[in-house]
Amino acid sequence: MSWTRRSRAALAVCVLLLAGSAGCGTDDARRGGASHAPVGTILEDRDQEGRPFREVGQEDAPGVGVEVQPDAAGGWDVRLTVRNFRFSPAGAAARAVAGRGLARLYVDGRPVARLRAPAYRLDARHVPRGTHRVTARLYADDGTVWAVDGKPVESTADVTASEPGPGMSPDAASLREARAHGADSGGRGSPDRARGAS
C-alpha cells in the first residue's frame, strides 16, 4: 500500500511541475516583454530606403502628428504627437511589437534623425532658406514601416525659412518669418495638425 501512495504522490508532483512550467509562459512574457506572435502583414511596398511596409488594421494602428516651430537659437523644435504607440528604448530587440518602435525624421525626403522620444531639435543647416517638408514616419523595431491601407503611418509639416531683412538678426527673422503648417501626406497622421508659428 505504501508503494502505491508513493507512486501517486510522485505522479502528482510530476503533473504539478509540468502544469506549472506550461503555465509560466515564454521567457518574454515572464520578463514583461511581448510575445513573438507575428504583427500585421508584410507588404511588397517599401520606403525610399528599401524598408518594407508592415500593414496593420485601422483599429489598432499607431498614429503620429508633427509640429515644427522655430527656436530662439535659429534652429527648429520638432514635436511629435503619437497615439497607440510607444517609443522603444535604444537597444530594444529587433522585432515588431504592436504599437512600439521609433520615428524617423526626414527633410525633403532625406533622412535626418531616428527618434526614440517625441521631441527633437532640428539644426538650421537642415532647413536652409525656402520651403521644406519635414516628415515623421513610424517604424517597428525590426525596421519595417507601420502602414495602414498600404500607406505609411506618417505626418508632414511644411516649413518656410527666410533670410533676415535689413536691420534684423538671423534669429529674429527666423522667428518672425518662419511658418510651419501640418499636412498628412496620404499616410495615417494625427488629426492634430501642426500649428503655424507667428
Protein backbone atom coordinates (compact mmCIF):
# COMPACT_ATOMS: atom_id res chain seq x y z
CA MET A 1 0.00 0.00 0.00
CA SER A 2 2.82 2.42 0.81
CA TRP A 3 4.33 1.84 -2.64
CA THR A 4 1.03 2.86 -4.28
CA ARG A 5 0.78 6.05 -2.19
CA ARG A 6 4.36 6.99 -3.03
CA SER A 7 3.72 6.36 -6.73
CA ARG A 8 0.60 8.52 -6.69
CA ALA A 9 2.39 11.26 -4.77
CA ALA A 10 5.32 11.19 -7.20
CA LEU A 11 2.94 11.23 -10.16
CA ALA A 12 1.03 14.17 -8.67
CA VAL A 13 4.28 16.13 -8.16
CA CYS A 14 5.31 15.47 -11.76
CA VAL A 15 1.93 16.63 -13.06
CA LEU A 16 2.11 19.80 -10.97
CA LEU A 17 5.63 20.56 -12.15
CA LEU A 18 4.71 20.07 -15.80
CA ALA A 19 1.49 22.06 -15.49
CA GLY A 20 3.26 24.82 -13.60
CA SER A 21 6.01 25.22 -16.18
CA ALA A 22 3.50 25.18 -19.03
CA GLY A 23 1.52 27.94 -17.34
CA CYS A 24 4.51 30.19 -16.87
CA GLY A 25 4.54 31.37 -20.48
CA THR A 26 7.52 32.30 -22.59
CA ASP A 27 10.65 33.97 -21.33
CA ASP A 28 9.43 37.24 -22.87
CA ALA A 29 6.12 37.07 -21.02
CA ARG A 30 7.88 36.41 -17.69
CA ARG A 31 10.15 39.42 -18.28
CA GLY A 32 7.22 41.67 -19.17
CA GLY A 33 8.03 41.72 -22.90
CA ALA A 34 5.79 40.89 -25.81
CA SER A 35 5.36 37.54 -27.46
CA HIS A 36 6.89 36.51 -30.76
CA ALA A 37 3.46 36.34 -32.43
CA PRO A 38 3.53 37.98 -35.87
CA VAL A 39 2.18 41.52 -36.01
CA GLY A 40 0.46 42.69 -39.18
CA THR A 41 1.29 41.66 -42.73
CA ILE A 42 4.46 42.47 -44.65
CA LEU A 43 3.65 44.21 -47.94
CA GLU A 44 5.69 44.45 -51.12
CA ASP A 45 5.73 48.27 -50.85
CA ARG A 46 8.90 49.82 -49.42
CA ASP A 47 10.07 53.21 -48.23
CA GLN A 48 12.79 55.19 -50.04
CA GLU A 49 15.46 53.31 -48.09
CA GLY A 50 14.08 49.87 -49.01
CA ARG A 51 12.34 49.02 -45.73
CA PRO A 52 9.12 47.01 -46.21
CA PHE A 53 5.71 48.21 -45.03
CA ARG A 54 4.02 46.31 -42.18
CA GLU A 55 0.25 46.59 -42.66
CA VAL A 56 -1.91 46.70 -39.52
CA GLY A 57 -5.65 47.18 -39.07
CA GLN A 58 -7.00 50.67 -38.61
CA GLU A 59 -8.47 49.98 -35.16
CA ASP A 60 -5.08 49.15 -33.61
CA ALA A 61 -2.86 51.27 -35.82
CA PRO A 62 -0.43 53.78 -34.39
CA GLY A 63 -0.74 57.42 -35.41
CA VAL A 64 1.61 60.39 -35.48
CA GLY A 65 1.35 64.15 -35.83
CA VAL A 66 4.26 66.54 -36.29
CA GLU A 67 4.62 70.18 -35.29
CA VAL A 68 7.67 72.25 -36.24
CA GLN A 69 8.37 75.69 -34.81
CA PRO A 70 11.43 77.96 -34.93
CA ASP A 71 13.50 78.15 -31.77
CA ALA A 72 15.42 81.11 -30.33
CA ALA A 73 18.80 79.74 -31.46
CA GLY A 74 17.90 79.70 -35.18
CA GLY A 75 17.03 76.01 -35.33
CA TRP A 76 13.65 74.24 -35.24
CA ASP A 77 11.78 72.47 -32.45
CA VAL A 78 10.09 69.31 -33.69
CA ARG A 79 7.31 67.83 -31.53
CA LEU A 80 5.60 64.54 -32.29
CA THR A 81 2.19 63.58 -31.00
CA VAL A 82 1.62 59.83 -31.09
CA ARG A 83 -1.36 57.58 -30.36
CA ASN A 84 -1.43 53.81 -29.92
CA PHE A 85 2.36 54.00 -29.99
CA ARG A 86 5.25 53.90 -27.51
CA PHE A 87 8.87 54.73 -28.27
CA SER A 88 11.20 51.78 -27.65
CA PRO A 89 14.42 52.42 -25.76
CA ALA A 90 17.78 52.16 -27.51
CA GLY A 91 18.89 48.55 -27.66
CA ALA A 92 15.36 47.15 -27.99
CA ALA A 93 15.14 43.73 -29.65
CA ALA A 94 14.92 43.92 -33.45
CA ARG A 95 11.37 42.58 -33.79
CA ALA A 96 7.96 44.05 -34.45
CA VAL A 97 5.81 44.56 -31.36
CA ALA A 98 2.35 46.06 -31.81
CA GLY A 99 2.38 49.83 -31.25
CA ARG A 100 6.10 50.11 -30.49
CA GLY A 101 9.18 51.33 -32.25
CA LEU A 102 10.77 54.59 -33.29
CA ALA A 103 10.18 57.54 -35.58
CA ARG A 104 12.40 58.60 -38.44
CA LEU A 105 12.58 62.26 -39.34
CA TYR A 106 13.02 63.36 -42.96
CA VAL A 107 13.52 66.80 -44.51
CA ASP A 108 12.55 66.91 -48.19
CA GLY A 109 12.80 63.10 -48.27
CA ARG A 110 16.33 62.99 -46.83
CA PRO A 111 16.79 61.09 -43.54
CA VAL A 112 17.83 63.41 -40.71
CA ALA A 113 17.31 61.53 -37.42
CA ARG A 114 15.99 58.43 -35.67
CA LEU A 115 13.81 59.47 -32.73
CA ARG A 116 13.13 57.48 -29.59
CA ALA A 117 11.35 60.39 -27.91
CA PRO A 118 8.67 62.86 -29.07
CA ALA A 119 10.91 65.96 -29.08
CA TYR A 120 13.87 66.84 -31.28
CA ARG A 121 15.86 69.96 -32.14
CA LEU A 122 16.41 70.23 -35.88
CA ASP A 123 19.55 72.16 -36.75
CA ALA A 124 19.07 75.16 -39.08
CA ARG A 125 21.51 73.67 -41.61
CA HIS A 126 18.84 71.06 -42.47
CA VAL A 127 16.32 73.82 -43.27
CA PRO A 128 18.00 76.48 -45.43
CA ARG A 129 16.12 79.40 -46.97
CA GLY A 130 12.94 78.31 -48.72
CA THR A 131 10.06 75.92 -48.13
CA HIS A 132 10.76 72.39 -46.93
CA ARG A 133 8.77 69.28 -45.99
CA VAL A 134 9.51 67.79 -42.57
CA THR A 135 8.10 64.26 -42.27
CA ALA A 136 7.89 61.98 -39.24
CA ARG A 137 7.27 58.29 -40.06
CA LEU A 138 6.75 55.44 -37.57
CA TYR A 139 8.78 52.22 -37.74
CA ALA A 140 8.73 48.95 -35.82
CA ASP A 141 11.94 47.91 -34.06
CA ASP A 142 12.67 45.39 -36.81
CA GLY A 143 12.94 48.27 -39.31
CA THR A 144 9.59 47.77 -41.02
CA VAL A 145 7.34 50.78 -41.69
CA TRP A 146 4.00 50.80 -39.86
CA ALA A 147 1.32 51.10 -42.54
CA VAL A 148 -2.47 51.31 -42.85
CA ASP A 149 -4.34 50.76 -46.10
CA GLY A 150 -0.99 50.38 -47.89
CA LYS A 151 0.26 53.82 -46.81
CA PRO A 152 2.96 54.58 -44.23
CA VAL A 153 1.97 55.95 -40.83
CA GLU A 154 3.45 59.43 -41.12
CA SER A 155 2.72 63.12 -40.89
CA THR A 156 4.32 66.06 -42.71
CA ALA A 157 4.72 69.75 -41.90
CA ASP A 158 5.68 72.36 -44.48
CA VAL A 159 8.26 74.80 -43.10
CA THR A 160 9.38 78.05 -44.72
CA ALA A 161 12.60 79.74 -43.63
CA SER A 162 13.56 83.19 -44.85
CA GLU A 163 16.69 85.31 -44.81
CA PRO A 164 16.91 88.25 -42.40
CA GLY A 165 15.75 91.62 -43.67
CA PRO A 166 17.65 94.89 -43.20
CA GLY A 167 18.29 95.60 -39.52
CA MET A 168 17.12 92.16 -38.36
CA SER A 169 19.25 89.45 -36.82
CA PRO A 170 19.00 85.96 -38.36
CA ASP A 171 17.30 84.65 -35.21
CA ALA A 172 14.65 87.38 -35.21
CA ALA A 173 13.99 86.85 -38.91
CA SER A 174 13.55 83.11 -38.39
CA LEU A 175 11.12 83.68 -35.53
CA ARG A 176 9.16 86.28 -37.46
CA GLU A 177 9.12 84.82 -40.97
CA ALA A 178 9.08 81.07 -40.44
CA ARG A 179 5.81 79.20 -40.90
CA ALA A 180 5.02 75.58 -40.14
CA HIS A 181 1.84 74.01 -41.48
CA GLY A 182 0.93 70.38 -40.83
CA ALA A 183 -0.34 68.17 -43.60
CA ASP A 184 -0.89 64.46 -43.78
CA SER A 185 0.77 63.25 -46.93
CA GLY A 186 -1.55 60.40 -47.67
CA GLY A 187 -0.39 58.39 -44.68
CA ARG A 188 -2.09 57.94 -41.35
CA GLY A 189 -1.16 61.10 -39.50
CA SER A 190 -2.58 62.61 -36.40
CA PRO A 191 -5.80 64.58 -36.56
CA ASP A 192 -3.96 67.22 -34.57
CA ARG A 193 -2.23 69.02 -37.40
CA ALA A 194 0.79 71.15 -36.76
CA ARG A 195 0.03 74.76 -35.94
CA GLY A 196 1.57 77.74 -37.68
CA ALA A 197 4.19 79.82 -35.94
CA SER A 198 3.88 83.57 -35.99
